[in-house]
N, C-alpha and C. Protein backbone atom coordinates (compact mmCIF):
# COMPACT_ATOMS: atom_id res chain seq x y z
N UNK A 1 0.78 -1.27 -0.02
CA UNK A 1 -0.08 -0.06 0.07
C UNK A 1 0.95 1.18 0.10
N UNK A 2 0.52 2.28 -0.80
CA UNK A 2 1.29 3.36 -0.90
C UNK A 2 1.18 4.25 0.30
N UNK A 3 1.99 5.11 0.39
CA UNK A 3 2.12 6.07 1.67
C UNK A 3 0.74 6.79 1.93
N UNK A 4 0.31 7.45 0.76
CA UNK A 4 -0.95 8.30 0.73
C UNK A 4 -2.11 7.40 1.06
N UNK A 5 -1.98 6.28 0.52
CA UNK A 5 -3.22 5.35 0.73
C UNK A 5 -3.18 4.85 2.23
N UNK A 6 -2.12 4.54 2.79
CA UNK A 6 -2.04 4.27 4.20
C UNK A 6 -2.58 5.41 5.06
N UNK A 7 -2.23 6.55 4.75
CA UNK A 7 -2.80 7.78 5.47
C UNK A 7 -4.30 7.89 5.37
N UNK A 8 -4.77 7.65 4.14
CA UNK A 8 -6.24 7.72 3.94
C UNK A 8 -6.91 6.66 4.65
N UNK A 9 -6.48 5.42 4.63
CA UNK A 9 -6.97 4.33 5.24
C UNK A 9 -7.03 4.50 6.78
N UNK A 10 -5.86 5.08 7.29
CA UNK A 10 -5.87 5.34 8.80
C UNK A 10 -6.83 6.28 9.11
N UNK A 11 -6.96 7.39 8.35
CA UNK A 11 -7.86 8.49 8.46
C UNK A 11 -9.43 7.99 8.53
N UNK A 12 -9.68 7.05 7.62
CA UNK A 12 -11.01 6.44 7.53
C UNK A 12 -11.26 5.60 8.96
N UNK A 13 -10.35 4.80 9.23
CA UNK A 13 -10.46 4.01 10.39
C UNK A 13 -10.53 4.98 11.52
N UNK A 14 -9.82 6.03 11.77
CA UNK A 14 -10.03 6.91 12.84
C UNK A 14 -11.37 7.62 12.85
N UNK A 15 -11.87 8.00 11.74
CA UNK A 15 -13.21 8.69 11.77
C UNK A 15 -14.24 7.71 12.03
N UNK A 16 -14.08 6.41 11.66
CA UNK A 16 -15.17 5.50 12.04
C UNK A 16 -15.04 5.19 13.59
N UNK A 17 -13.89 5.04 14.20
CA UNK A 17 -13.70 4.86 15.64
C UNK A 17 -14.49 6.16 16.38
N UNK A 18 -14.02 7.22 15.84
CA UNK A 18 -14.57 8.40 16.55
C UNK A 18 -15.87 8.60 16.64
N UNK A 19 -16.68 8.14 15.53
CA UNK A 19 -18.10 8.22 15.32
C UNK A 19 -18.67 7.25 16.17
N UNK A 20 -18.07 6.09 16.31
CA UNK A 20 -18.74 5.04 17.17
C UNK A 20 -18.69 5.32 18.53
N UNK A 21 -17.42 5.90 18.97
CA UNK A 21 -17.31 6.23 20.39
C UNK A 21 -18.27 7.40 20.77
N UNK A 22 -18.39 8.33 19.67
CA UNK A 22 -19.36 9.55 20.05
C UNK A 22 -20.80 9.08 20.24
N UNK A 23 -21.25 8.12 19.40
CA UNK A 23 -22.52 7.54 19.60
C UNK A 23 -22.72 6.83 20.94
N UNK A 24 -21.67 6.00 21.28
CA UNK A 24 -21.57 5.10 22.39
C UNK A 24 -21.64 6.13 23.66
N UNK A 25 -20.79 7.30 23.54
CA UNK A 25 -20.78 8.23 24.68
C UNK A 25 -22.04 8.87 24.93
N UNK A 26 -22.82 9.26 23.84
CA UNK A 26 -24.11 9.94 23.92
C UNK A 26 -25.11 8.90 24.65
N UNK A 27 -25.08 7.65 23.96
CA UNK A 27 -25.98 6.78 24.62
C UNK A 27 -25.81 6.40 25.99
N UNK A 28 -24.67 6.06 26.39
CA UNK A 28 -24.20 5.62 27.81
C UNK A 28 -24.29 6.80 28.77
N UNK A 29 -23.46 7.74 28.53
CA UNK A 29 -23.34 8.88 29.46
C UNK A 29 -24.40 9.75 29.47
N UNK A 30 -24.79 10.24 28.10
CA UNK A 30 -25.88 11.26 27.82
C UNK A 30 -26.98 10.70 28.17
N UNK A 31 -27.61 9.76 27.69
CA UNK A 31 -28.96 9.15 27.91
C UNK A 31 -29.00 8.40 29.43
N UNK A 32 -27.88 7.82 29.79
CA UNK A 32 -28.01 7.22 31.21
C UNK A 32 -27.66 8.02 32.39
N UNK A 33 -27.03 9.36 32.14
CA UNK A 33 -26.77 10.09 33.40
C UNK A 33 -27.20 11.54 33.15
N UNK A 34 -26.83 12.16 31.96
CA UNK A 34 -27.11 13.54 31.82
C UNK A 34 -28.50 14.01 31.63
N UNK A 35 -29.20 13.17 30.64
CA UNK A 35 -30.65 13.45 30.31
C UNK A 35 -31.45 12.60 30.97
N UNK A 36 -31.12 11.78 32.08
CA UNK A 36 -31.87 10.84 32.63
C UNK A 36 -33.30 11.40 33.07
N UNK A 37 -33.19 12.60 33.67
CA UNK A 37 -34.60 13.20 34.21
C UNK A 37 -35.61 13.39 33.02
N UNK A 38 -35.07 14.04 31.97
CA UNK A 38 -35.99 14.27 30.82
C UNK A 38 -36.40 12.93 30.35
N UNK A 39 -35.60 12.07 30.05
CA UNK A 39 -35.94 10.65 29.53
C UNK A 39 -36.73 9.74 30.42
N UNK A 40 -36.81 10.05 31.73
CA UNK A 40 -37.65 9.39 32.67
C UNK A 40 -38.93 9.72 32.47
N UNK A 41 -39.49 10.80 31.83
CA UNK A 41 -40.97 11.06 31.61
C UNK A 41 -41.54 10.19 30.46
N UNK A 42 -40.58 9.51 29.74
CA UNK A 42 -41.04 8.53 28.84
C UNK A 42 -41.05 7.04 29.37
N UNK A 43 -42.01 6.25 29.03
CA UNK A 43 -41.87 4.82 29.62
C UNK A 43 -41.97 3.96 28.46
N UNK A 44 -41.15 2.93 28.54
CA UNK A 44 -41.17 1.75 27.58
C UNK A 44 -41.21 0.46 28.42
N UNK A 45 -42.24 -0.13 28.12
CA UNK A 45 -42.51 -1.53 28.64
C UNK A 45 -42.65 -1.33 30.33
N UNK A 46 -43.23 -0.32 30.71
CA UNK A 46 -43.44 -0.04 32.15
C UNK A 46 -42.12 0.58 32.90
N UNK A 47 -41.05 0.58 32.20
CA UNK A 47 -39.86 1.31 32.85
C UNK A 47 -39.54 2.55 32.25
N UNK A 48 -39.01 3.46 33.10
CA UNK A 48 -38.72 4.85 32.69
C UNK A 48 -37.44 4.63 31.75
N UNK A 49 -37.55 5.47 30.55
CA UNK A 49 -36.59 5.43 29.45
C UNK A 49 -35.16 5.70 29.97
N UNK A 50 -34.94 6.74 30.82
CA UNK A 50 -33.55 7.02 31.53
C UNK A 50 -33.02 5.93 32.27
N UNK A 51 -33.93 5.09 33.02
CA UNK A 51 -33.51 3.96 33.78
C UNK A 51 -33.16 2.75 32.70
N UNK A 52 -33.95 2.73 31.73
CA UNK A 52 -33.78 1.81 30.67
C UNK A 52 -32.43 1.84 30.03
N UNK A 53 -32.00 3.09 29.58
CA UNK A 53 -30.81 3.26 28.90
C UNK A 53 -29.65 2.99 29.87
N UNK A 54 -29.69 3.28 31.16
CA UNK A 54 -28.77 3.21 32.19
C UNK A 54 -28.43 1.63 32.36
N UNK A 55 -29.56 0.90 32.32
CA UNK A 55 -29.47 -0.41 32.52
C UNK A 55 -29.11 -1.31 31.45
N UNK A 56 -29.89 -1.15 30.32
CA UNK A 56 -29.79 -1.92 29.22
C UNK A 56 -29.70 -1.40 27.77
N UNK A 57 -30.11 -0.15 27.71
CA UNK A 57 -30.10 0.50 26.51
C UNK A 57 -28.84 0.72 25.91
N UNK A 58 -27.84 1.12 26.87
CA UNK A 58 -26.51 1.43 26.32
C UNK A 58 -25.68 0.18 26.04
N UNK A 59 -26.00 -0.95 26.54
CA UNK A 59 -25.50 -2.16 26.17
C UNK A 59 -25.90 -2.69 24.88
N UNK A 60 -27.27 -2.58 24.55
CA UNK A 60 -27.69 -2.88 23.22
C UNK A 60 -27.07 -2.04 22.10
N UNK A 61 -26.90 -0.78 22.35
CA UNK A 61 -26.33 0.14 21.51
C UNK A 61 -24.85 -0.21 21.30
N UNK A 62 -24.08 -0.57 22.33
CA UNK A 62 -22.77 -1.04 22.28
C UNK A 62 -22.61 -2.32 21.37
N UNK A 63 -23.37 -3.28 21.55
CA UNK A 63 -23.42 -4.33 20.76
C UNK A 63 -23.68 -4.05 19.27
N UNK A 64 -24.86 -3.18 19.04
CA UNK A 64 -24.99 -2.80 17.63
C UNK A 64 -23.90 -2.14 17.11
N UNK A 65 -23.20 -1.21 17.71
CA UNK A 65 -21.94 -0.64 17.35
C UNK A 65 -20.76 -1.46 16.92
N UNK A 66 -20.64 -2.69 17.70
CA UNK A 66 -19.67 -3.71 17.36
C UNK A 66 -20.01 -4.27 16.03
N UNK A 67 -21.22 -4.69 15.72
CA UNK A 67 -21.49 -5.21 14.42
C UNK A 67 -21.40 -4.16 13.35
N UNK A 68 -21.86 -2.90 13.50
CA UNK A 68 -21.69 -1.83 12.54
C UNK A 68 -20.19 -1.58 12.34
N UNK A 69 -19.44 -1.51 13.16
CA UNK A 69 -17.86 -1.41 13.12
C UNK A 69 -17.30 -2.32 12.29
N UNK A 70 -17.55 -3.68 12.43
CA UNK A 70 -17.10 -4.93 11.66
C UNK A 70 -17.67 -4.73 10.24
N UNK A 71 -18.90 -4.38 10.00
CA UNK A 71 -19.32 -4.32 8.67
C UNK A 71 -18.72 -3.15 7.87
N UNK A 72 -18.51 -2.12 8.68
CA UNK A 72 -18.11 -0.76 8.00
C UNK A 72 -16.64 -0.96 7.66
N UNK A 73 -15.87 -1.66 8.56
CA UNK A 73 -14.44 -1.74 8.44
C UNK A 73 -14.38 -2.68 7.31
N UNK A 74 -15.06 -3.79 7.13
CA UNK A 74 -14.88 -4.60 6.02
C UNK A 74 -15.06 -3.85 4.69
N UNK A 75 -15.88 -3.01 4.62
CA UNK A 75 -16.12 -2.20 3.27
C UNK A 75 -15.04 -1.21 3.19
N UNK A 76 -14.30 -0.68 4.28
CA UNK A 76 -13.26 0.14 4.22
C UNK A 76 -11.84 -0.54 3.86
N UNK A 77 -11.83 -1.82 4.25
CA UNK A 77 -10.65 -2.68 3.88
C UNK A 77 -10.87 -3.10 2.39
N UNK A 78 -12.04 -3.20 1.94
CA UNK A 78 -12.17 -3.50 0.36
C UNK A 78 -11.71 -2.24 -0.39
N UNK A 79 -12.02 -1.10 0.08
CA UNK A 79 -12.07 0.12 -0.72
C UNK A 79 -10.57 0.43 -0.89
N UNK A 80 -9.80 0.01 0.27
CA UNK A 80 -8.31 0.14 0.08
C UNK A 80 -7.59 -0.93 -0.27
N UNK A 81 -8.23 -2.02 -0.71
CA UNK A 81 -7.60 -3.20 -1.16
C UNK A 81 -6.58 -3.76 -0.10
N UNK A 82 -7.10 -3.87 1.14
CA UNK A 82 -6.39 -4.53 2.24
C UNK A 82 -7.25 -5.70 2.97
N UNK A 83 -8.27 -6.09 2.28
CA UNK A 83 -9.19 -7.11 2.71
C UNK A 83 -8.65 -8.48 2.72
N UNK A 84 -9.13 -9.25 3.62
CA UNK A 84 -8.57 -10.80 3.65
C UNK A 84 -9.58 -11.54 2.58
N UNK A 85 -8.98 -12.54 2.07
CA UNK A 85 -9.74 -13.23 1.09
C UNK A 85 -9.90 -14.72 1.67
């Protein structure tokens, strides 16, 4: 891989990681701690939404982000021709 392609590949990887971390932060810290009072006015399945995010929602989002990261990273690998065959 050429030097410019390595930089572009690394930049795409870091952008993806930063985006996933931002979403995870907003769901776990934002919804579970910062905005818990506002979210607690909404109920899902009998539980307050802020409580749900703090207990389970952030875990579901984290697992979804793992699958999204793997899928997106495979596409980036193919784009830069560094994928496994």
